[in-house]
Amino acid sequence: FQTPGACSPDGGPAPGDGDDQPAGSLRVRVEDCWIAADRALLARHSDYFAALFHSEMADSRRDELHVRGGLSARGFLIMLAVCRGEAVTLSDPGELWDAVECAAFLQVEALTRHLCDVVDSANCLALYSAARVFGVHELYHAAALFLCDAREDLWEDALGSGLPEELLEYSRSLSPASFVALGTHTPTTESLSGAFRVVLHLDEEGEGGWRHLTHLPALCSTSLAGVAVLHNRLYIVGGVRGYGKETVDGGHCYDPEADAWSPVPGPAQPRCDFTLLGHEGRLYAVGGMHRGTTSASAEAFDVATATWSPIRDAPRPVASAACAVARRRMFVCFWRPPDTTEIYEYAAAGDAWTPLTVLRRVQSYGHCMAAHAGALYVMRNGPGDDFLRCLMERYDLATGQWSSLPGVYVNSKGALFTGRVRGDSAFTVKHLLTLVYRVTPEGRWTPRRQMRGYPESGSLLTGLLRLPRRRRGTPYLFFSNMCNQSEIFHKIPSSALHVQTHKCLV
């Protein structure tokens, strides 16, 4: 972390202070440094300063404050940068420790959320330990979840790191996110709901097979429907039914804790083949088709009030746009054949769409997008409209730079549209086999493990759900009628190993 030039040692004024100090600003002494800060910014983001400024204490009206108690100047500067919305990269263990200490001491929610967002394999154990020491529960839980999800990569390091047993036990007590999948189905009658209209989850133990999770409601359509996971609930909205592809109005929500479905009202404009994105208590429905017309309209569903409300239209009409959430930011990928991929960010706070970046490649454009560790991964077709052998591009949100990943990724039977990222693993599935890839710190995707493929034909929809340990499902019986998929896999040349990512990773 590069500290800005706003810290002056030895008690002298910070640059820009003194008589020229702007109204509403103040100087804060932390350790031996004087740091310029905005009073309104501190009051808005720090519960500690908000309480101080609203008190009747003499310090509440001073333009110079001295923060005692061992807080570091580096942690204070990191806090200010995060609260100003700057891109802050923390790599040194000392920086992480100082940042967690500041978040706890000054009660800065924005800094806590930032630390939760940047938990990765490199810093997970350090943040987990610091969160325990300083009592930052939200970060403590986020780091424990990441350790649980990335157990294959981190557990040996955790055992050898000297982490207290209570931290290891807490992470063990959590359920890792399970890879779930469902086929494409239209509404049916109760008597015909049958064995095929199911949601399955991947059992990663042993050879890896698919287990039954739940049946779909009879009136639920997954054909051209919007599917998203929010607050560990699976939402299926819209879609079509019948030979005429009539748009379905309404949807359903599955709660794995209760093992129960509940109805969800549909958006004001019925739609199919649209983007459904779950983020911070709301579902966002963007674009889609209605009565044969592509729409740019967008709506948001507030889960707490169970109501839809209009939001600003998408930049242009779009159907089945790719989307992803990274660092609590929402991104939608628009394509313009034959050579242009545009990524827009939607900010709910200002109800605004902002162009983020444009990628141009000859006869190639993006079809699906994933997010991992502050980067967006876009899958695009190969040259000459080759949709079987695709290429991957990585966009770094911190630097704003594109990089091309080496290799070709096979999109056999739409496999590219099924992947989900958990920890540092990308889960992908098609009917032949399920492949798990490791996402390296450099951003490359390398094969990790192969398991059984999905036991039904047709297009697949996927997600990640944390399932209660008491409910891990029963083996799906259709495997008894399938061929030996392990033998099939070994007949595939190594050059055909492919990375698959989903259009919408949440």
Protein backbone atom coordinates (compact mmCIF):
# COMPACT_ATOMS: atom_id res chain seq x y z
CA PHE A 1 0.00 0.00 0.00
CA GLN A 2 1.47 3.34 -1.08
CA THR A 3 0.60 5.97 1.51
CA PRO A 4 -0.43 9.37 0.15
CA GLY A 5 1.63 12.41 1.00
CA ALA A 6 -0.70 13.51 3.78
CA CYS A 7 1.35 12.36 6.77
CA SER A 8 3.92 14.64 8.35
CA PRO A 9 6.17 13.37 11.18
CA ASP A 10 7.46 15.18 14.26
CA GLY A 11 4.25 17.02 14.96
CA GLY A 12 4.47 19.38 11.98
CA PRO A 13 1.47 20.21 9.84
CA ALA A 14 0.55 17.85 7.07
CA PRO A 15 0.93 19.19 3.52
CA GLY A 16 -1.96 21.49 2.70
CA ASP A 17 -2.75 22.21 6.37
CA GLY A 18 -2.39 25.41 8.29
CA ASP A 19 -4.11 28.58 7.16
CA ASP A 20 -5.06 27.01 3.83
CA GLN A 21 -6.86 24.11 5.49
CA PRO A 22 -10.31 23.81 3.82
CA ALA A 23 -13.51 24.18 5.80
CA GLY A 24 -14.67 20.95 7.37
CA SER A 25 -11.21 19.41 7.46
CA LEU A 26 -9.09 18.60 10.48
CA ARG A 27 -5.73 17.19 11.43
CA VAL A 28 -5.47 13.88 13.22
CA ARG A 29 -2.35 12.82 15.07
CA VAL A 30 -1.72 9.09 14.92
CA GLU A 31 1.58 7.86 16.38
CA ASP A 32 4.07 10.57 15.35
CA CYS A 33 2.22 11.62 12.20
CA TRP A 34 -0.23 14.43 11.53
CA ILE A 35 -2.74 13.32 8.91
CA ALA A 36 -5.15 15.58 7.02
CA ALA A 37 -8.71 14.26 7.01
CA ASP A 38 -12.21 15.38 6.08
CA ARG A 39 -14.54 15.72 9.06
CA ALA A 40 -17.63 14.70 7.08
CA LEU A 41 -15.85 11.64 5.66
CA LEU A 42 -14.85 10.48 9.14
CA ALA A 43 -18.33 11.08 10.53
CA ARG A 44 -19.94 9.17 7.65
CA HIS A 45 -17.73 6.08 7.77
CA SER A 46 -16.43 5.79 11.35
CA ASP A 47 -18.83 5.14 14.22
CA TYR A 48 -16.05 6.24 16.58
CA PHE A 49 -15.71 9.70 15.02
CA ALA A 50 -19.45 10.04 14.44
CA ALA A 51 -20.06 9.55 18.16
CA LEU A 52 -17.26 11.98 19.01
CA PHE A 53 -18.50 14.75 16.70
CA HIS A 54 -22.07 14.44 17.99
CA SER A 55 -21.03 14.51 21.62
CA GLU A 56 -20.68 17.59 23.82
CA MET A 57 -17.05 16.87 24.57
CA ALA A 58 -14.51 19.62 24.01
CA ASP A 59 -12.61 17.45 21.50
CA SER A 60 -15.68 17.28 19.26
CA ARG A 61 -15.17 20.90 18.12
CA ARG A 62 -11.40 20.95 17.73
CA ASP A 63 -9.60 21.07 14.40
CA GLU A 64 -6.78 18.91 15.75
CA LEU A 65 -7.26 15.52 17.35
CA HIS A 66 -4.85 13.01 18.86
CA VAL A 67 -5.84 9.35 18.54
CA ARG A 68 -4.13 7.33 21.24
CA GLY A 69 -4.22 3.67 22.12
CA GLY A 70 -1.61 2.18 19.79
CA LEU A 71 -3.42 2.69 16.47
CA SER A 72 -0.94 2.82 13.57
CA ALA A 73 -0.65 5.71 11.13
CA ARG A 74 -0.45 3.23 8.26
CA GLY A 75 -3.77 1.67 9.24
CA PHE A 76 -5.36 5.12 9.48
CA LEU A 77 -4.15 6.05 5.99
CA ILE A 78 -5.45 2.76 4.59
CA MET A 79 -8.82 3.49 6.19
CA LEU A 80 -8.98 6.96 4.62
CA ALA A 81 -8.10 5.61 1.17
CA VAL A 82 -10.79 2.92 1.35
CA CYS A 83 -13.42 5.40 2.57
CA ARG A 84 -12.57 7.71 -0.35
CA GLY A 85 -13.25 4.83 -2.74
CA GLU A 86 -9.65 4.44 -3.89
CA ALA A 87 -8.32 1.14 -5.21
CA VAL A 88 -6.30 -0.19 -2.28
CA THR A 89 -4.10 -3.27 -2.63
CA LEU A 90 -2.85 -4.86 0.58
CA SER A 91 -0.18 -7.54 0.42
CA ASP A 92 2.15 -7.08 3.38
CA PRO A 93 1.03 -8.93 6.55
CA GLY A 94 1.75 -5.81 8.57
CA GLU A 95 -0.60 -3.78 6.38
CA LEU A 96 -3.33 -6.36 6.83
CA TRP A 97 -2.89 -6.34 10.60
CA ASP A 98 -2.95 -2.53 10.77
CA ALA A 99 -6.05 -2.36 8.57
CA VAL A 100 -7.98 -4.86 10.72
CA GLU A 101 -6.93 -3.02 13.88
CA CYS A 102 -8.15 0.29 12.45
CA ALA A 103 -11.45 -1.21 11.29
CA ALA A 104 -12.07 -2.52 14.80
CA PHE A 105 -10.83 0.47 16.80
CA LEU A 106 -12.54 3.18 14.72
CA GLN A 107 -15.54 0.97 13.81
CA VAL A 108 -15.29 1.53 10.05
CA GLU A 109 -17.77 -0.68 8.20
CA ALA A 110 -16.45 0.29 4.75
CA LEU A 111 -12.97 -0.96 5.68
CA THR A 112 -14.37 -4.17 7.16
CA ARG A 113 -16.33 -4.83 3.98
CA HIS A 114 -13.25 -4.14 1.87
CA LEU A 115 -11.20 -6.62 3.89
CA CYS A 116 -13.95 -9.24 3.50
CA ASP A 117 -13.91 -8.67 -0.26
CA VAL A 118 -10.16 -9.15 -0.64
CA VAL A 119 -9.86 -12.41 1.33
CA ASP A 120 -7.90 -14.85 -0.83
CA SER A 121 -5.51 -17.76 -0.49
CA ALA A 122 -2.54 -15.47 0.14
CA ASN A 123 -4.03 -13.51 3.04
CA CYS A 124 -6.84 -15.69 4.41
CA LEU A 125 -4.97 -17.06 7.41
CA ALA A 126 -3.51 -13.68 8.37
CA LEU A 127 -6.90 -11.96 8.18
CA TYR A 128 -8.58 -14.81 10.05
CA SER A 129 -6.10 -14.50 12.90
CA ALA A 130 -6.25 -10.69 13.03
CA ALA A 131 -10.05 -10.69 12.97
CA ARG A 132 -10.06 -12.96 16.01
CA VAL A 133 -7.62 -10.76 17.92
CA PHE A 134 -9.51 -7.53 17.24
CA GLY A 135 -13.02 -8.97 17.36
CA VAL A 136 -14.11 -8.14 13.79
CA HIS A 137 -16.83 -10.78 13.49
CA GLU A 138 -17.85 -10.12 9.87
CA LEU A 139 -14.26 -10.56 8.68
CA TYR A 140 -13.76 -13.53 11.02
CA HIS A 141 -16.72 -15.30 9.42
CA ALA A 142 -15.70 -14.37 5.85
CA ALA A 143 -12.18 -15.73 6.35
CA ALA A 144 -13.53 -18.91 7.96
CA LEU A 145 -15.85 -19.44 4.99
CA PHE A 146 -13.01 -18.95 2.51
CA LEU A 147 -10.86 -21.45 4.41
CA CYS A 148 -13.79 -23.87 4.34
CA ASP A 149 -14.32 -23.40 0.59
CA ALA A 150 -10.59 -23.53 -0.23
CA ARG A 151 -9.83 -26.39 2.14
CA GLU A 152 -8.05 -28.38 -0.57
CA ASP A 153 -5.53 -25.56 -1.06
CA LEU A 154 -5.21 -24.07 2.43
CA TRP A 155 -5.85 -26.67 5.11
CA GLU A 156 -2.30 -27.99 5.39
CA ASP A 157 -1.01 -24.42 5.60
CA ALA A 158 -3.60 -23.67 8.27
CA LEU A 159 -2.51 -26.68 10.34
CA GLY A 160 1.13 -25.61 10.12
CA SER A 161 0.55 -21.91 10.71
CA GLY A 162 -0.14 -22.12 14.42
CA LEU A 163 -3.76 -21.01 14.14
CA PRO A 164 -5.61 -21.62 17.41
CA GLU A 165 -7.69 -24.78 17.45
CA GLU A 166 -10.88 -22.76 17.94
CA LEU A 167 -10.35 -21.11 14.53
CA LEU A 168 -9.79 -24.46 12.84
CA GLU A 169 -12.82 -25.93 14.55
CA TYR A 170 -15.04 -23.00 13.57
CA SER A 171 -14.08 -23.36 9.91
CA ARG A 172 -14.68 -27.13 10.13
CA SER A 173 -18.18 -26.49 11.46
CA LEU A 174 -19.20 -24.56 8.33
CA SER A 175 -20.60 -26.12 5.16
CA PRO A 176 -18.69 -25.49 1.93
CA ALA A 177 -20.63 -24.15 -1.02
CA SER A 178 -22.00 -27.06 -3.09
CA PHE A 179 -22.15 -27.03 -6.89
CA VAL A 180 -25.82 -27.48 -7.88
CA ALA A 181 -27.31 -27.98 -11.34
CA LEU A 182 -30.71 -28.36 -12.96
CA GLY A 183 -31.90 -29.11 -16.45
CA THR A 184 -34.20 -27.14 -18.73
CA HIS A 185 -37.88 -27.77 -18.03
CA THR A 186 -41.22 -26.08 -18.70
CA PRO A 187 -44.17 -26.09 -16.25
CA THR A 188 -46.11 -29.32 -15.94
CA THR A 189 -48.94 -30.84 -13.91
CA GLU A 190 -48.40 -32.25 -10.43
CA SER A 191 -48.93 -35.79 -11.72
CA LEU A 192 -46.20 -35.40 -14.33
CA SER A 193 -43.62 -33.53 -12.23
CA GLY A 194 -41.70 -36.81 -12.01
CA ALA A 195 -38.10 -37.74 -11.49
CA PHE A 196 -36.58 -35.59 -14.21
CA ARG A 197 -37.65 -32.20 -12.82
CA VAL A 198 -35.01 -32.11 -10.12
CA VAL A 199 -32.17 -30.05 -8.72
CA LEU A 200 -29.00 -32.06 -8.09
CA HIS A 201 -25.84 -31.26 -6.17
CA LEU A 202 -22.32 -32.55 -6.69
CA ASP A 203 -20.95 -34.92 -4.07
CA GLU A 204 -17.20 -34.28 -4.08
CA GLU A 205 -16.31 -37.28 -1.97
CA GLY A 206 -14.90 -40.39 -3.63
CA GLU A 207 -15.31 -40.44 -7.41
CA GLY A 208 -17.72 -37.54 -7.30
CA GLY A 209 -21.34 -38.10 -8.26
CA TRP A 210 -24.58 -36.17 -8.42
CA ARG A 211 -27.12 -36.42 -5.60
CA HIS A 212 -30.77 -35.45 -5.39
CA LEU A 213 -31.45 -32.13 -3.65
CA THR A 214 -35.07 -31.23 -4.44
CA HIS A 215 -37.85 -31.46 -7.03
CA LEU A 216 -38.85 -28.38 -8.99
CA PRO A 217 -42.33 -26.97 -8.32
CA ALA A 218 -44.84 -28.07 -10.95
CA LEU A 219 -45.41 -24.52 -12.23
CA CYS A 220 -41.72 -23.60 -12.30
CA SER A 221 -40.08 -23.04 -15.69
CA THR A 222 -36.32 -23.21 -16.15
CA SER A 223 -36.50 -22.74 -19.93
CA LEU A 224 -35.07 -19.29 -20.77
CA ALA A 225 -35.59 -18.32 -17.12
CA GLY A 226 -33.46 -16.07 -14.96
CA VAL A 227 -31.55 -18.02 -12.31
CA ALA A 228 -29.54 -16.53 -9.45
CA VAL A 229 -28.43 -17.26 -5.89
CA LEU A 230 -28.93 -14.61 -3.21
CA HIS A 231 -28.51 -15.03 0.55
CA ASN A 232 -28.03 -18.77 -0.01
CA ARG A 233 -31.40 -19.12 -1.72
CA LEU A 234 -31.96 -20.25 -5.30
CA TYR A 235 -34.23 -17.97 -7.33
CA ILE A 236 -35.83 -18.98 -10.64
CA VAL A 237 -37.80 -16.17 -12.30
CA GLY A 238 -39.68 -15.92 -15.60
CA GLY A 239 -38.98 -18.30 -18.46
CA VAL A 240 -41.33 -19.74 -21.07
CA ARG A 241 -43.93 -22.51 -21.34
CA GLY A 242 -45.70 -24.39 -24.12
CA TYR A 243 -44.91 -24.73 -27.81
CA GLY A 244 -45.66 -21.04 -28.33
CA LYS A 245 -43.07 -20.10 -25.70
CA GLU A 246 -45.48 -18.02 -23.69
CA THR A 247 -43.67 -15.92 -21.09
CA VAL A 248 -44.10 -17.13 -17.51
CA ASP A 249 -45.11 -14.45 -15.00
CA GLY A 250 -43.66 -15.16 -11.58
CA GLY A 251 -40.99 -17.37 -10.11
CA HIS A 252 -39.91 -19.56 -7.21
CA CYS A 253 -37.36 -19.47 -4.40
CA TYR A 254 -35.70 -22.51 -2.82
CA ASP A 255 -34.39 -22.36 0.75
CA PRO A 256 -31.95 -25.24 1.41
CA GLU A 257 -32.15 -24.78 5.19
CA ALA A 258 -35.91 -25.38 5.20
CA ASP A 259 -35.83 -27.64 2.11
CA ALA A 260 -38.84 -25.72 0.82
CA TRP A 261 -39.96 -23.68 -2.19
CA SER A 262 -41.92 -20.44 -1.99
CA PRO A 263 -43.52 -18.34 -4.77
CA VAL A 264 -41.88 -15.12 -5.97
CA PRO A 265 -43.79 -12.38 -7.82
CA GLY A 266 -42.65 -11.71 -11.36
CA PRO A 267 -41.31 -8.38 -12.64
CA ALA A 268 -43.73 -5.75 -13.92
CA GLN A 269 -42.67 -6.59 -17.47
CA PRO A 270 -42.82 -10.37 -18.03
CA ARG A 271 -39.58 -11.47 -19.64
CA CYS A 272 -37.53 -14.47 -20.68
CA ASP A 273 -33.93 -14.98 -21.78
CA PHE A 274 -32.86 -12.15 -19.47
CA THR A 275 -30.04 -11.58 -17.01
CA LEU A 276 -30.86 -12.18 -13.33
CA LEU A 277 -28.24 -11.03 -10.84
CA GLY A 278 -28.39 -11.26 -7.04
CA HIS A 279 -26.55 -8.68 -4.97
CA GLU A 280 -26.92 -7.20 -1.47
CA GLY A 281 -30.54 -8.04 -0.81
CA ARG A 282 -31.88 -7.42 -4.31
CA LEU A 283 -32.39 -9.31 -7.56
CA TYR A 284 -31.69 -7.38 -10.76
CA ALA A 285 -33.50 -8.35 -13.98
CA VAL A 286 -31.82 -6.81 -17.03
CA GLY A 287 -33.05 -6.89 -20.63
CA GLY A 288 -34.52 -10.07 -22.08
CA MET A 289 -37.28 -10.91 -24.53
CA HIS A 290 -41.02 -10.29 -24.43
CA ARG A 291 -43.36 -11.14 -27.30
CA GLY A 292 -40.43 -11.48 -29.67
CA THR A 293 -38.91 -8.08 -28.85
CA THR A 294 -35.55 -7.54 -27.17
CA SER A 295 -35.79 -5.08 -24.28
CA ALA A 296 -33.43 -2.70 -22.50
CA SER A 297 -35.68 -2.30 -19.46
CA ALA A 298 -34.42 -3.33 -16.05
CA GLU A 299 -36.04 -3.90 -12.66
CA ALA A 300 -34.91 -4.67 -9.11
CA PHE A 301 -36.62 -7.01 -6.63
CA ASP A 302 -36.27 -6.13 -2.95
CA VAL A 303 -36.25 -9.43 -1.08
CA ALA A 304 -37.22 -7.80 2.22
CA THR A 305 -40.40 -6.21 0.83
CA ALA A 306 -41.04 -8.74 -1.98
CA THR A 307 -41.59 -5.90 -4.47
CA TRP A 308 -40.20 -5.05 -7.90
CA SER A 309 -39.29 -1.49 -8.87
CA PRO A 310 -37.94 -0.05 -12.13
CA ILE A 311 -34.30 0.95 -12.42
CA ARG A 312 -32.45 2.75 -15.19
CA ASP A 313 -32.62 0.97 -18.54
CA ALA A 314 -29.58 -0.92 -19.76
CA PRO A 315 -27.38 0.97 -22.25
CA ARG A 316 -29.09 -0.88 -25.11
CA PRO A 317 -31.52 -3.77 -25.69
CA VAL A 318 -29.94 -7.09 -24.79
CA ALA A 319 -30.93 -10.71 -24.22
CA SER A 320 -29.04 -13.28 -22.17
CA ALA A 321 -26.22 -10.89 -21.30
CA ALA A 322 -23.32 -12.24 -19.28
CA CYS A 323 -22.85 -10.83 -15.78
CA ALA A 324 -20.69 -11.09 -12.66
CA VAL A 325 -20.20 -9.56 -9.22
CA ALA A 326 -16.66 -8.68 -8.13
CA ARG A 327 -15.61 -6.65 -5.08
CA ARG A 328 -19.32 -5.89 -4.42
CA ARG A 329 -19.60 -4.32 -7.87
CA MET A 330 -22.04 -5.48 -10.57
CA PHE A 331 -20.91 -5.92 -14.17
CA VAL A 332 -22.81 -6.82 -17.32
CA CYS A 333 -21.12 -7.89 -20.55
CA PHE A 334 -22.66 -6.70 -23.83
CA TRP A 335 -21.42 -7.98 -27.17
CA ARG A 336 -21.50 -6.48 -30.63
CA PRO A 337 -20.73 -9.04 -33.32
CA PRO A 338 -18.42 -9.56 -34.99
CA ASP A 339 -15.56 -8.13 -32.88
CA THR A 340 -16.61 -6.01 -29.89
CA THR A 341 -17.15 -6.83 -26.21
CA GLU A 342 -18.35 -4.04 -23.92
CA ILE A 343 -18.52 -4.26 -20.13
CA TYR A 344 -20.72 -1.87 -18.14
CA GLU A 345 -20.94 -1.42 -14.38
CA TYR A 346 -24.27 -0.81 -12.71
CA ALA A 347 -24.17 1.17 -9.45
CA ALA A 348 -27.35 0.77 -7.42
CA ALA A 349 -26.52 3.76 -5.20
CA GLY A 350 -26.73 6.19 -8.11
CA ASP A 351 -28.94 4.05 -10.36
CA ALA A 352 -26.42 4.52 -13.16
CA TRP A 353 -24.74 2.47 -15.87
CA THR A 354 -21.08 3.33 -16.47
CA PRO A 355 -18.96 1.99 -19.35
CA LEU A 356 -15.98 0.14 -17.88
CA THR A 357 -13.98 -1.20 -20.82
CA VAL A 358 -14.15 -2.32 -24.45
CA LEU A 359 -12.36 -5.35 -25.90
CA ARG A 360 -11.95 -5.78 -29.65
CA ARG A 361 -10.72 -8.99 -31.25
CA VAL A 362 -11.00 -9.99 -34.90
CA GLN A 363 -14.18 -12.03 -35.52
CA SER A 364 -14.50 -12.70 -31.77
CA TYR A 365 -16.61 -11.35 -28.92
CA GLY A 366 -17.48 -12.29 -25.33
CA HIS A 367 -20.22 -14.81 -24.52
CA CYS A 368 -19.80 -15.49 -20.81
CA MET A 369 -18.07 -13.90 -17.84
CA ALA A 370 -16.76 -14.97 -14.43
CA ALA A 371 -15.23 -13.14 -11.49
CA HIS A 372 -12.36 -14.19 -9.25
CA ALA A 373 -10.13 -12.19 -6.89
CA GLY A 374 -10.69 -8.75 -8.36
CA ALA A 375 -10.61 -9.82 -12.00
CA LEU A 376 -13.21 -10.51 -14.68
CA TYR A 377 -12.74 -13.47 -17.03
CA VAL A 378 -14.45 -13.24 -20.42
CA MET A 379 -14.83 -16.25 -22.70
CA ARG A 380 -14.95 -15.40 -26.41
CA ASN A 381 -15.33 -17.47 -29.56
CA GLY A 382 -12.32 -18.41 -31.64
CA PRO A 383 -11.51 -16.89 -35.06
CA GLY A 384 -13.91 -17.46 -37.90
CA ASP A 385 -16.98 -17.92 -35.68
CA ASP A 386 -15.43 -20.97 -34.04
CA PHE A 387 -17.70 -21.50 -31.03
CA LEU A 388 -16.23 -24.90 -30.18
CA ARG A 389 -12.71 -23.69 -29.40
CA CYS A 390 -12.90 -20.53 -27.32
CA LEU A 391 -10.37 -18.15 -25.83
CA MET A 392 -10.21 -16.42 -22.45
CA GLU A 393 -9.39 -12.81 -21.59
CA ARG A 394 -8.71 -11.49 -18.07
CA TYR A 395 -9.56 -7.93 -17.03
CA ASP A 396 -7.87 -6.64 -13.86
CA LEU A 397 -10.22 -4.26 -12.05
CA ALA A 398 -7.36 -2.62 -10.13
CA THR A 399 -5.14 -1.83 -13.12
CA GLY A 400 -7.77 -1.62 -15.86
CA GLN A 401 -5.65 -3.86 -18.08
CA TRP A 402 -6.62 -6.80 -20.31
CA SER A 403 -4.46 -9.91 -20.64
CA SER A 404 -4.96 -12.98 -22.84
CA LEU A 405 -4.73 -16.36 -21.17
CA PRO A 406 -2.82 -19.04 -23.09
CA GLY A 407 -4.64 -22.06 -24.43
CA VAL A 408 -7.91 -22.94 -26.12
CA TYR A 409 -11.04 -23.93 -24.19
CA VAL A 410 -13.52 -26.36 -25.70
CA ASN A 411 -17.20 -25.38 -25.59
CA SER A 412 -18.60 -28.82 -26.34
CA LYS A 413 -22.38 -28.99 -25.80
CA GLY A 414 -22.43 -25.57 -24.15
CA ALA A 415 -20.08 -26.57 -21.34
CA LEU A 416 -18.74 -23.02 -21.07
CA PHE A 417 -22.02 -21.83 -19.62
CA THR A 418 -22.03 -24.02 -16.51
CA GLY A 419 -19.05 -22.96 -14.39
CA ARG A 420 -19.06 -21.54 -10.88
CA VAL A 421 -16.13 -20.24 -8.83
CA ARG A 422 -15.67 -21.31 -5.19
CA GLY A 423 -12.53 -20.20 -3.43
CA ASP A 424 -9.77 -20.84 -5.95
CA SER A 425 -11.67 -23.58 -7.80
CA ALA A 426 -13.86 -23.35 -10.90
CA PHE A 427 -16.51 -26.08 -11.12
CA THR A 428 -17.69 -26.96 -14.61
CA VAL A 429 -20.01 -29.66 -15.91
CA LYS A 430 -21.41 -31.22 -19.04
CA HIS A 431 -23.05 -34.59 -19.63
CA LEU A 432 -19.77 -36.37 -20.31
CA LEU A 433 -17.96 -35.33 -17.12
CA THR A 434 -17.55 -32.72 -14.41
CA LEU A 435 -14.23 -30.88 -14.38
CA VAL A 436 -12.78 -28.80 -11.55
CA TYR A 437 -10.06 -26.27 -12.28
CA ARG A 438 -7.71 -24.34 -10.03
CA VAL A 439 -7.47 -20.60 -10.60
CA THR A 440 -3.84 -19.71 -9.93
CA PRO A 441 -2.62 -16.42 -8.39
CA GLU A 442 -1.47 -15.46 -11.89
CA GLY A 443 -5.00 -15.95 -13.22
CA ARG A 444 -4.43 -19.17 -15.16
CA TRP A 445 -6.91 -22.06 -15.08
CA THR A 446 -5.31 -25.48 -14.57
CA PRO A 447 -7.10 -28.87 -14.35
CA ARG A 448 -7.55 -30.07 -10.77
CA ARG A 449 -9.99 -33.01 -10.76
CA GLN A 450 -12.46 -34.96 -12.91
CA MET A 451 -15.79 -36.38 -11.72
CA ARG A 452 -18.97 -37.83 -13.16
CA GLY A 453 -20.96 -35.79 -15.64
CA TYR A 454 -24.53 -34.61 -15.20
CA PRO A 455 -26.93 -37.55 -15.76
CA GLU A 456 -29.47 -35.78 -18.00
CA SER A 457 -29.41 -34.23 -21.45
CA GLY A 458 -30.32 -30.67 -22.37
CA SER A 459 -29.06 -27.26 -21.33
CA LEU A 460 -27.86 -26.91 -17.74
CA LEU A 461 -28.24 -24.13 -15.18
CA THR A 462 -25.89 -24.03 -12.19
CA GLY A 463 -25.24 -22.28 -8.91
CA LEU A 464 -23.56 -22.58 -5.51
CA LEU A 465 -25.55 -23.29 -2.33
CA ARG A 466 -24.43 -24.04 1.20
CA LEU A 467 -26.35 -27.15 2.19
CA PRO A 468 -27.01 -28.16 5.80
CA ARG A 469 -24.81 -31.05 6.84
CA ARG A 470 -27.89 -33.06 7.76
CA ARG A 471 -29.11 -32.82 4.15
CA ARG A 472 -26.52 -34.01 1.64
CA GLY A 473 -29.01 -35.84 -0.60
CA THR A 474 -29.21 -39.37 -1.97
CA PRO A 475 -27.34 -40.65 -5.05
CA TYR A 476 -29.16 -39.94 -8.29
CA LEU A 477 -30.26 -43.32 -9.69
CA PHE A 478 -29.87 -42.47 -13.36
CA PHE A 479 -26.16 -43.20 -13.10
CA SER A 480 -26.92 -46.92 -13.16
CA ASN A 481 -27.97 -46.61 -16.80
CA MET A 482 -24.96 -44.60 -17.93
CA CYS A 483 -21.71 -45.70 -19.48
CA ASN A 484 -18.39 -45.60 -17.68
CA GLN A 485 -17.58 -41.91 -17.90
CA SER A 486 -14.08 -42.36 -16.50
CA GLU A 487 -13.22 -44.47 -19.55
CA ILE A 488 -14.68 -41.80 -21.84
CA PHE A 489 -12.57 -39.12 -20.17
CA HIS A 490 -9.33 -41.00 -20.70
CA LYS A 491 -10.09 -41.17 -24.43
CA ILE A 492 -10.14 -37.37 -24.64
CA PRO A 493 -6.76 -35.93 -25.69
CA SER A 494 -5.13 -33.62 -23.15
CA SER A 495 -5.37 -30.77 -25.65
CA ALA A 496 -9.15 -30.96 -25.39
CA LEU A 497 -9.22 -30.19 -21.67
CA HIS A 498 -11.27 -27.07 -21.37
CA VAL A 499 -12.12 -24.28 -19.01
CA GLN A 500 -15.80 -23.51 -18.68
CA THR A 501 -17.33 -20.39 -17.16
CA HIS A 502 -20.93 -19.34 -16.70
CA LYS A 503 -22.66 -16.36 -18.19
CA CYS A 504 -23.54 -15.10 -14.73
CA LEU A 505 -21.38 -15.83 -11.71
CA VAL A 506 -22.63 -14.57 -8.41
